[in-house]
């Protein structure tokens, strides 16, 4: 029971440290968030395109694009987490 309370307190403290107000974000922070949002849009596009692809070469292309975009997305997500930014 004590562990659950300690985790709840830690969670509340970490939520307080997250930057969510756009006026408080530095230009660098805004750029990171913009990249993250753009990559999310690209990933959504790749996923919808993949669903309708029938050509083997095109399917392979979507798979590789998806892997590359996922790696870039994880990179920018980690950068945002390190800076205490809230992901949308």
N, C-alpha and C. Protein backbone atom coordinates (compact mmCIF):
# COMPACT_ATOMS: atom_id res chain seq x y z
N UNK A 1 0.82 -1.18 0.00
CA UNK A 1 0.00 0.00 0.00
C UNK A 1 0.86 1.25 0.00
N UNK A 2 1.95 1.24 0.74
CA UNK A 2 2.84 2.39 0.80
C UNK A 2 3.49 2.70 -0.53
N UNK A 3 3.79 1.66 -1.29
CA UNK A 3 4.41 1.83 -2.60
C UNK A 3 3.46 2.54 -3.55
N UNK A 4 2.19 2.19 -3.51
CA UNK A 4 1.20 2.82 -4.39
C UNK A 4 1.06 4.30 -4.08
N UNK A 5 1.10 4.66 -2.81
CA UNK A 5 1.00 6.06 -2.40
C UNK A 5 2.23 6.83 -2.86
N UNK A 6 3.41 6.23 -2.70
CA UNK A 6 4.65 6.87 -3.14
C UNK A 6 4.66 7.08 -4.65
N UNK A 7 4.16 6.09 -5.40
CA UNK A 7 4.11 6.23 -6.85
C UNK A 7 3.12 7.32 -7.26
N UNK A 8 2.00 7.41 -6.55
CA UNK A 8 1.00 8.44 -6.85
C UNK A 8 1.57 9.84 -6.59
N UNK A 9 2.31 10.00 -5.50
CA UNK A 9 2.93 11.29 -5.19
C UNK A 9 3.97 11.63 -6.25
N UNK A 10 4.77 10.66 -6.66
CA UNK A 10 5.79 10.87 -7.68
C UNK A 10 5.14 11.27 -9.01
N UNK A 11 4.01 10.63 -9.34
CA UNK A 11 3.30 10.95 -10.58
C UNK A 11 2.77 12.38 -10.54
N UNK A 12 2.22 12.80 -9.41
CA UNK A 12 1.71 14.16 -9.29
C UNK A 12 2.83 15.18 -9.42
N UNK A 13 3.99 14.87 -8.83
CA UNK A 13 5.13 15.78 -8.92
C UNK A 13 5.63 15.87 -10.35
N UNK A 14 5.68 14.76 -11.06
CA UNK A 14 6.18 14.78 -12.44
C UNK A 14 5.21 15.53 -13.35
N UNK A 15 3.92 15.46 -13.07
CA UNK A 15 2.94 16.18 -13.87
C UNK A 15 3.11 17.68 -13.71
N UNK A 16 3.52 18.11 -12.53
CA UNK A 16 3.73 19.54 -12.28
C UNK A 16 4.91 20.07 -13.09
N UNK A 17 5.88 19.23 -13.41
CA UNK A 17 7.08 19.66 -14.10
C UNK A 17 6.90 19.70 -15.62
N UNK A 18 5.79 19.18 -16.13
CA UNK A 18 5.56 19.12 -17.57
C UNK A 18 5.12 20.48 -18.08
N UNK A 19 5.78 20.94 -19.14
CA UNK A 19 5.43 22.21 -19.76
C UNK A 19 4.28 21.97 -20.74
N UNK A 20 3.18 22.65 -20.54
CA UNK A 20 2.06 22.50 -21.46
C UNK A 20 1.61 23.83 -22.05
N UNK A 21 1.92 24.93 -21.42
CA UNK A 21 1.48 26.24 -21.88
C UNK A 21 2.39 26.71 -23.00
N UNK A 22 1.80 26.99 -24.18
CA UNK A 22 2.61 27.35 -25.34
C UNK A 22 3.40 28.63 -25.15
N UNK A 23 2.90 29.55 -24.31
CA UNK A 23 3.65 30.79 -24.10
C UNK A 23 4.95 30.55 -23.34
N UNK A 24 5.00 29.48 -22.55
CA UNK A 24 6.20 29.19 -21.76
C UNK A 24 7.25 28.40 -22.54
N UNK A 25 6.89 27.92 -23.70
CA UNK A 25 7.81 27.10 -24.48
C UNK A 25 8.83 27.97 -25.21
N UNK A 26 10.07 27.51 -25.20
CA UNK A 26 11.12 28.20 -25.95
C UNK A 26 10.94 27.88 -27.43
N UNK A 27 11.57 28.65 -28.31
CA UNK A 27 11.49 28.34 -29.74
C UNK A 27 11.97 26.92 -30.05
N UNK A 28 13.00 26.47 -29.34
CA UNK A 28 13.52 25.11 -29.54
C UNK A 28 12.47 24.08 -29.15
N UNK A 29 11.79 24.33 -28.03
CA UNK A 29 10.74 23.41 -27.58
C UNK A 29 9.60 23.36 -28.60
N UNK A 30 9.21 24.52 -29.11
CA UNK A 30 8.14 24.57 -30.10
C UNK A 30 8.54 23.81 -31.37
N UNK A 31 9.80 23.92 -31.75
CA UNK A 31 10.30 23.22 -32.93
C UNK A 31 10.26 21.70 -32.72
N UNK A 32 10.65 21.25 -31.53
CA UNK A 32 10.60 19.82 -31.23
C UNK A 32 9.17 19.30 -31.31
N UNK A 33 8.25 20.05 -30.72
CA UNK A 33 6.85 19.63 -30.74
C UNK A 33 6.30 19.63 -32.18
N UNK A 34 6.73 20.59 -32.97
CA UNK A 34 6.30 20.66 -34.36
C UNK A 34 6.79 19.45 -35.15
N UNK A 35 8.06 19.08 -34.95
CA UNK A 35 8.61 17.89 -35.62
C UNK A 35 7.83 16.64 -35.21
N UNK A 36 7.53 16.54 -33.94
CA UNK A 36 6.81 15.38 -33.43
C UNK A 36 5.42 15.29 -34.06
N UNK A 37 4.74 16.42 -34.13
CA UNK A 37 3.40 16.44 -34.72
C UNK A 37 3.46 16.09 -36.21
N UNK A 38 4.45 16.62 -36.91
CA UNK A 38 4.62 16.34 -38.33
C UNK A 38 4.89 14.86 -38.57
N UNK A 39 5.75 14.28 -37.75
CA UNK A 39 6.06 12.86 -37.90
C UNK A 39 4.83 12.00 -37.63
N UNK A 40 4.02 12.39 -36.67
CA UNK A 40 2.80 11.65 -36.36
C UNK A 40 1.87 11.66 -37.57
N UNK A 41 1.76 12.81 -38.22
CA UNK A 41 0.93 12.92 -39.42
C UNK A 41 1.47 12.03 -40.53
N UNK A 42 2.79 12.04 -40.73
CA UNK A 42 3.40 11.18 -41.75
C UNK A 42 3.17 9.70 -41.45
N UNK A 43 3.28 9.32 -40.18
CA UNK A 43 3.04 7.92 -39.80
C UNK A 43 1.59 7.52 -40.08
N UNK A 44 0.66 8.40 -39.78
CA UNK A 44 -0.75 8.11 -40.06
C UNK A 44 -0.98 7.93 -41.55
N UNK A 45 -0.33 8.77 -42.36
CA UNK A 45 -0.46 8.67 -43.82
C UNK A 45 0.11 7.36 -44.33
N UNK A 46 1.28 6.98 -43.82
CA UNK A 46 1.91 5.71 -44.24
C UNK A 46 1.01 4.54 -43.86
N UNK A 47 0.44 4.56 -42.66
CA UNK A 47 -0.41 3.46 -42.23
C UNK A 47 -1.65 3.33 -43.11
N UNK A 48 -2.27 4.46 -43.46
CA UNK A 48 -3.46 4.38 -44.32
C UNK A 48 -3.09 3.95 -45.74
N UNK A 49 -1.94 4.40 -46.24
CA UNK A 49 -1.49 3.99 -47.57
C UNK A 49 -1.16 2.50 -47.61
N UNK A 50 -0.55 2.02 -46.54
CA UNK A 50 -0.17 0.62 -46.45
C UNK A 50 -1.40 -0.29 -46.53
N UNK A 51 -2.50 0.15 -45.93
CA UNK A 51 -3.72 -0.66 -45.92
C UNK A 51 -4.27 -0.93 -47.31
N UNK A 52 -3.99 -0.04 -48.27
CA UNK A 52 -4.55 -0.18 -49.60
C UNK A 52 -3.53 -0.63 -50.65
N UNK A 53 -2.30 -0.84 -50.26
CA UNK A 53 -1.26 -1.24 -51.21
C UNK A 53 -1.41 -2.71 -51.57
N UNK A 54 -1.20 -3.01 -52.84
CA UNK A 54 -1.28 -4.40 -53.31
C UNK A 54 0.03 -4.87 -53.95
N UNK A 55 0.81 -3.95 -54.46
CA UNK A 55 2.07 -4.29 -55.11
C UNK A 55 3.13 -4.62 -54.05
N UNK A 56 3.85 -5.69 -54.26
CA UNK A 56 4.84 -6.15 -53.29
C UNK A 56 5.93 -5.12 -53.04
N UNK A 57 6.42 -4.49 -54.10
CA UNK A 57 7.47 -3.48 -53.96
C UNK A 57 6.96 -2.27 -53.18
N UNK A 58 5.73 -1.89 -53.44
CA UNK A 58 5.14 -0.76 -52.74
C UNK A 58 4.93 -1.08 -51.25
N UNK A 59 4.51 -2.28 -50.97
CA UNK A 59 4.35 -2.71 -49.57
C UNK A 59 5.68 -2.66 -48.84
N UNK A 60 6.74 -3.18 -49.49
CA UNK A 60 8.08 -3.12 -48.90
C UNK A 60 8.50 -1.68 -48.64
N UNK A 61 8.21 -0.81 -49.58
CA UNK A 61 8.55 0.60 -49.42
C UNK A 61 7.85 1.20 -48.21
N UNK A 62 6.57 0.91 -48.04
CA UNK A 62 5.83 1.43 -46.89
C UNK A 62 6.37 0.88 -45.57
N UNK A 63 6.79 -0.37 -45.60
CA UNK A 63 7.35 -0.98 -44.38
C UNK A 63 8.64 -0.25 -43.97
N UNK A 64 9.53 -0.01 -44.93
CA UNK A 64 10.78 0.67 -44.62
C UNK A 64 10.55 2.12 -44.21
N UNK A 65 9.61 2.79 -44.89
CA UNK A 65 9.28 4.16 -44.50
C UNK A 65 8.72 4.21 -43.08
N UNK A 66 7.87 3.24 -42.77
CA UNK A 66 7.29 3.18 -41.44
C UNK A 66 8.36 2.98 -40.38
N UNK A 67 9.30 2.09 -40.64
CA UNK A 67 10.38 1.84 -39.68
C UNK A 67 11.22 3.10 -39.47
N UNK A 68 11.57 3.78 -40.55
CA UNK A 68 12.38 5.00 -40.45
C UNK A 68 11.63 6.10 -39.71
N UNK A 69 10.37 6.29 -40.03
CA UNK A 69 9.58 7.32 -39.35
C UNK A 69 9.40 7.01 -37.87
N UNK A 70 9.20 5.74 -37.55
CA UNK A 70 9.06 5.35 -36.14
C UNK A 70 10.33 5.65 -35.35
N UNK A 71 11.49 5.41 -35.96
CA UNK A 71 12.75 5.69 -35.27
C UNK A 71 12.92 7.20 -35.04
N UNK A 72 12.59 7.99 -36.06
CA UNK A 72 12.66 9.45 -35.91
C UNK A 72 11.65 9.94 -34.87
N UNK A 73 10.45 9.37 -34.87
CA UNK A 73 9.42 9.75 -33.91
C UNK A 73 9.89 9.46 -32.48
N UNK A 74 10.47 8.28 -32.27
CA UNK A 74 10.96 7.92 -30.94
C UNK A 74 12.07 8.87 -30.50
N UNK A 75 12.94 9.25 -31.43
CA UNK A 75 14.02 10.19 -31.12
C UNK A 75 13.44 11.52 -30.63
N UNK A 76 12.52 12.09 -31.39
CA UNK A 76 11.95 13.37 -31.00
C UNK A 76 11.09 13.25 -29.75
N UNK A 77 10.42 12.12 -29.56
CA UNK A 77 9.64 11.91 -28.35
C UNK A 77 10.55 11.88 -27.13
N UNK A 78 11.69 11.21 -27.24
CA UNK A 78 12.66 11.18 -26.13
C UNK A 78 13.23 12.56 -25.86
N UNK A 79 13.49 13.33 -26.92
CA UNK A 79 13.98 14.70 -26.74
C UNK A 79 12.96 15.52 -25.98
N UNK A 80 11.68 15.38 -26.33
CA UNK A 80 10.63 16.12 -25.63
C UNK A 80 10.53 15.70 -24.17
N UNK A 81 10.62 14.40 -23.92
CA UNK A 81 10.56 13.91 -22.54
C UNK A 81 11.72 14.45 -21.71
N UNK A 82 12.91 14.47 -22.29
CA UNK A 82 14.09 14.99 -21.58
C UNK A 82 13.92 16.46 -21.21
N UNK A 83 13.23 17.21 -22.04
CA UNK A 83 13.02 18.63 -21.81
C UNK A 83 11.77 18.91 -20.98
N UNK A 84 11.04 17.84 -20.60
CA UNK A 84 9.86 17.99 -19.77
C UNK A 84 8.65 18.50 -20.53
N UNK A 85 8.58 18.22 -21.82
CA UNK A 85 7.46 18.67 -22.63
C UNK A 85 6.36 17.63 -22.64
N UNK A 86 5.13 18.07 -22.66
CA UNK A 86 4.00 17.16 -22.71
C UNK A 86 3.71 16.80 -24.15
N UNK A 87 3.64 15.51 -24.42
CA UNK A 87 3.25 15.06 -25.76
C UNK A 87 1.74 15.21 -25.88
N UNK A 88 1.27 15.48 -27.07
CA UNK A 88 -0.16 15.71 -27.28
C UNK A 88 -0.94 14.46 -27.28
